[in-house]
Amino acid sequence: MREDHQLIFTPLEFQRIFNVSEPSARFFLHRHTKKGYLIRLRRGLYCLKAQRPSEYLVANRLYRPSYISLEFALAHFGIIPEAVYTVTSVTTKTTREFHALGLVFTYQKIKIEAFRGYSPEKINNQTILIARPEKAFVDYLYFIDLEKREPSERLDLKNLSKKKVFEYAELFKRKSLEKLIKKVYAQSRKPQRIY
């Protein structure tokens, strides 16, 4: 079970890999989870304790379809300086929260038309679906616009393509989001106070 897609597996995937019956697979998974060799990430999803997958890979597999975005992606790309302890993703399904491997994984629902602007990226030798920096920024501002998130006061926008930011914003079809983006860019040009 070394490939990316096999670090985390369902009972059905286990059954197919080892060519065993469904009852045998379930018995094995239950028994070895109790013994501590396997970790149950959520109902019907497991990983090996000795080969713990990264939080990035877990985020992609816990709830599908989804891709890593919002604060976790912004911190990953250095757009916000704060450490982020919740692994944040977006999905086209219902908003959800999971607790696994001692971490919190959240999934915020966005409309299907806006579910793009992400790509596979190699992180820790695992292929992960993560928002492009501009899309993570727009997803983040979308939820601020909906008043479901608090804005960070320290955003580093210098490496973002403003053109791409506005292209991704169009996917949401919200004039208030475009206004918010313009406001954030205007504030980012003001000199920062030094204490």
Protein backbone atom coordinates (compact mmCIF):
# COMPACT_ATOMS: atom_id res chain seq x y z
CA MET A 1 0.00 0.00 0.00
CA ARG A 2 2.60 2.53 -1.00
CA GLU A 3 0.96 4.54 -3.79
CA ASP A 4 -0.75 7.85 -2.93
CA HIS A 5 -4.23 6.50 -3.44
CA GLN A 6 -3.50 3.47 -1.27
CA LEU A 7 -2.14 5.25 1.82
CA ILE A 8 -5.80 5.87 2.64
CA PHE A 9 -8.28 3.17 1.73
CA THR A 10 -11.87 2.02 2.05
CA PRO A 11 -12.92 -1.56 2.92
CA LEU A 12 -13.79 -2.08 -0.75
CA GLU A 13 -10.34 -0.93 -1.89
CA PHE A 14 -8.74 -3.20 0.73
CA GLN A 15 -10.90 -6.08 -0.53
CA ARG A 16 -9.77 -5.52 -4.13
CA ILE A 17 -6.06 -5.04 -3.30
CA PHE A 18 -5.85 -8.26 -1.28
CA ASN A 19 -8.51 -10.19 -3.19
CA VAL A 20 -10.49 -11.11 -0.08
CA SER A 21 -14.21 -11.30 0.64
CA GLU A 22 -16.15 -8.40 2.14
CA PRO A 23 -16.61 -10.09 5.56
CA SER A 24 -12.87 -10.95 5.68
CA ALA A 25 -11.90 -7.37 4.82
CA ARG A 26 -14.23 -5.89 7.46
CA PHE A 27 -13.04 -8.35 10.12
CA PHE A 28 -9.37 -7.61 9.32
CA LEU A 29 -9.89 -3.82 9.37
CA HIS A 30 -11.88 -3.93 12.61
CA ARG A 31 -9.39 -6.22 14.35
CA HIS A 32 -6.26 -4.34 13.26
CA THR A 33 -7.81 -0.97 14.10
CA LYS A 34 -8.46 -2.27 17.64
CA LYS A 35 -4.86 -3.52 17.87
CA GLY A 36 -3.58 -0.10 16.80
CA TYR A 37 -2.05 -1.05 13.43
CA LEU A 38 -4.67 0.89 11.49
CA ILE A 39 -6.28 4.27 12.10
CA ARG A 40 -9.94 4.81 11.30
CA LEU A 41 -10.11 8.31 9.80
CA ARG A 42 -13.90 8.23 9.59
CA ARG A 43 -16.51 5.57 8.94
CA GLY A 44 -15.30 3.47 6.02
CA LEU A 45 -11.89 5.12 5.63
CA TYR A 46 -8.58 3.85 7.06
CA CYS A 47 -4.82 4.36 6.96
CA LEU A 48 -1.81 2.51 8.31
CA LYS A 49 -0.51 3.84 11.61
CA ALA A 50 3.08 3.17 10.48
CA GLN A 51 2.58 5.12 7.22
CA ARG A 52 0.50 8.09 8.32
CA PRO A 53 -0.53 10.16 5.32
CA SER A 54 -0.06 13.92 5.34
CA GLU A 55 -2.90 16.18 6.43
CA TYR A 56 -3.08 17.33 2.80
CA LEU A 57 -3.85 13.83 1.53
CA VAL A 58 -6.27 13.15 4.38
CA ALA A 59 -8.13 16.39 3.54
CA ASN A 60 -8.54 15.27 -0.07
CA ARG A 61 -9.83 11.81 0.86
CA LEU A 62 -12.06 12.49 3.89
CA TYR A 63 -14.78 14.24 1.90
CA ARG A 64 -15.08 14.23 -1.88
CA PRO A 65 -15.21 16.14 -4.13
CA SER A 66 -12.99 18.71 -2.44
CA TYR A 67 -9.74 20.60 -2.74
CA ILE A 68 -7.63 22.39 -0.11
CA SER A 69 -8.30 26.11 -0.05
CA LEU A 70 -9.08 29.07 2.25
CA GLU A 71 -6.76 29.77 5.22
CA PHE A 72 -4.82 26.49 5.05
CA ALA A 73 -3.91 27.06 1.38
CA LEU A 74 -3.20 30.76 2.01
CA ALA A 75 -0.76 29.81 4.79
CA HIS A 76 0.77 27.12 2.55
CA PHE A 77 1.46 29.74 -0.14
CA GLY A 78 2.68 32.37 2.36
CA ILE A 79 -0.21 34.76 1.66
CA ILE A 80 -1.10 34.92 5.36
CA PRO A 81 1.64 34.72 7.98
CA GLU A 82 -0.46 33.06 10.70
CA ALA A 83 -0.12 29.38 11.50
CA VAL A 84 -3.34 27.57 10.62
CA TYR A 85 -4.39 24.61 12.73
CA THR A 86 -7.57 23.66 10.87
CA VAL A 87 -7.16 22.04 7.46
CA THR A 88 -9.61 23.96 5.27
CA SER A 89 -11.11 22.79 2.00
CA VAL A 90 -14.03 23.62 -0.26
CA THR A 91 -16.58 21.19 -1.66
CA THR A 92 -19.76 21.14 -3.73
CA LYS A 93 -21.43 19.04 -1.03
CA THR A 94 -22.85 20.07 2.36
CA THR A 95 -20.53 21.97 4.72
CA ARG A 96 -18.93 19.46 7.12
CA GLU A 97 -16.28 19.11 9.81
CA PHE A 98 -14.25 16.00 10.67
CA HIS A 99 -11.73 15.21 13.41
CA ALA A 100 -8.94 12.82 12.42
CA LEU A 101 -5.28 12.28 13.36
CA GLY A 102 -5.66 14.93 16.10
CA LEU A 103 -6.59 17.60 13.52
CA VAL A 104 -9.77 19.38 12.45
CA PHE A 105 -10.74 19.22 8.77
CA THR A 106 -13.43 21.62 7.56
CA TYR A 107 -15.23 21.69 4.22
CA GLN A 108 -17.15 24.76 3.07
CA LYS A 109 -19.74 24.46 0.32
CA ILE A 110 -19.37 26.53 -2.85
CA LYS A 111 -21.48 26.43 -6.01
CA ILE A 112 -20.51 23.94 -8.71
CA GLU A 113 -19.72 26.77 -11.19
CA ALA A 114 -17.02 28.06 -8.80
CA PHE A 115 -15.54 24.62 -8.11
CA ARG A 116 -12.43 25.11 -10.24
CA GLY A 117 -9.08 26.88 -10.03
CA TYR A 118 -7.31 24.00 -8.32
CA SER A 119 -4.71 21.59 -9.60
CA PRO A 120 -2.74 18.52 -8.52
CA GLU A 121 0.48 19.41 -6.73
CA LYS A 122 3.22 17.15 -5.31
CA ILE A 123 3.52 17.77 -1.56
CA ASN A 124 5.52 15.33 0.61
CA ASN A 125 5.71 12.96 -2.40
CA GLN A 126 1.91 12.78 -2.47
CA THR A 127 -0.33 14.22 -5.19
CA ILE A 128 -2.73 16.70 -3.61
CA LEU A 129 -5.60 18.76 -5.02
CA ILE A 130 -5.04 22.32 -3.81
CA ALA A 131 -6.37 25.69 -4.96
CA ARG A 132 -4.09 27.87 -7.00
CA PRO A 133 -3.01 30.82 -4.82
CA GLU A 134 -5.39 33.29 -6.51
CA LYS A 135 -8.34 30.89 -6.19
CA ALA A 136 -7.62 30.21 -2.49
CA PHE A 137 -7.63 33.98 -1.97
CA VAL A 138 -10.95 34.41 -3.83
CA ASP A 139 -12.56 31.45 -2.01
CA TYR A 140 -11.44 33.04 1.28
CA LEU A 141 -12.86 36.46 0.37
CA TYR A 142 -16.11 34.84 -0.80
CA PHE A 143 -16.75 33.53 2.73
CA ILE A 144 -15.73 36.88 4.24
CA ASP A 145 -18.25 38.49 1.89
CA LEU A 146 -20.89 36.06 3.19
CA GLU A 147 -19.80 37.06 6.74
CA LYS A 148 -18.83 33.48 7.57
CA ARG A 149 -15.15 34.29 8.18
CA GLU A 150 -13.07 37.04 9.77
CA PRO A 151 -10.51 38.70 7.48
CA SER A 152 -6.81 38.55 8.23
CA GLU A 153 -5.25 41.98 8.58
CA ARG A 154 -1.95 40.80 7.11
CA LEU A 155 -2.32 39.57 3.54
CA ASP A 156 0.73 39.40 1.27
CA LEU A 157 -0.71 39.93 -2.22
CA LYS A 158 2.49 40.79 -4.09
CA ASN A 159 2.84 37.37 -5.78
CA LEU A 160 -0.81 37.08 -6.82
CA SER A 161 -1.97 37.85 -10.35
CA LYS A 162 -4.69 40.49 -9.96
CA LYS A 163 -6.08 39.48 -13.38
CA LYS A 164 -6.49 35.85 -12.25
CA VAL A 165 -8.04 36.98 -8.96
CA PHE A 166 -10.78 38.86 -10.82
CA GLU A 167 -11.26 35.98 -13.29
CA TYR A 168 -11.88 33.58 -10.39
CA ALA A 169 -14.15 36.12 -8.67
CA GLU A 170 -16.39 36.14 -11.78
CA LEU A 171 -17.20 32.45 -11.15
CA PHE A 172 -19.16 33.45 -8.03
CA LYS A 173 -21.26 36.09 -9.83
CA ARG A 174 -21.35 38.41 -6.79
CA LYS A 175 -20.83 42.14 -7.26
CA SER A 176 -20.19 42.48 -3.51
CA LEU A 177 -17.26 40.03 -3.80
CA GLU A 178 -15.67 42.11 -6.58
CA LYS A 179 -16.11 45.25 -4.44
CA LEU A 180 -14.48 43.49 -1.48
CA ILE A 181 -11.49 42.44 -3.63
CA LYS A 182 -11.00 46.03 -4.79
CA LYS A 183 -11.19 47.21 -1.17
CA VAL A 184 -8.63 44.60 0.00
CA TYR A 185 -6.23 45.60 -2.81
CA ALA A 186 -6.66 49.30 -1.95
CA GLN A 187 -5.90 48.60 1.74
CA SER A 188 -2.87 46.47 0.84
CA ARG A 189 -1.29 49.47 -0.90
CA LYS A 190 -1.51 51.63 2.24
CA PRO A 191 1.70 51.81 4.31
CA GLN A 192 1.64 49.37 7.22
CA ARG A 193 1.95 50.73 10.74
CA ILE A 194 5.02 49.57 12.62
CA TYR A 195 4.66 49.26 16.39
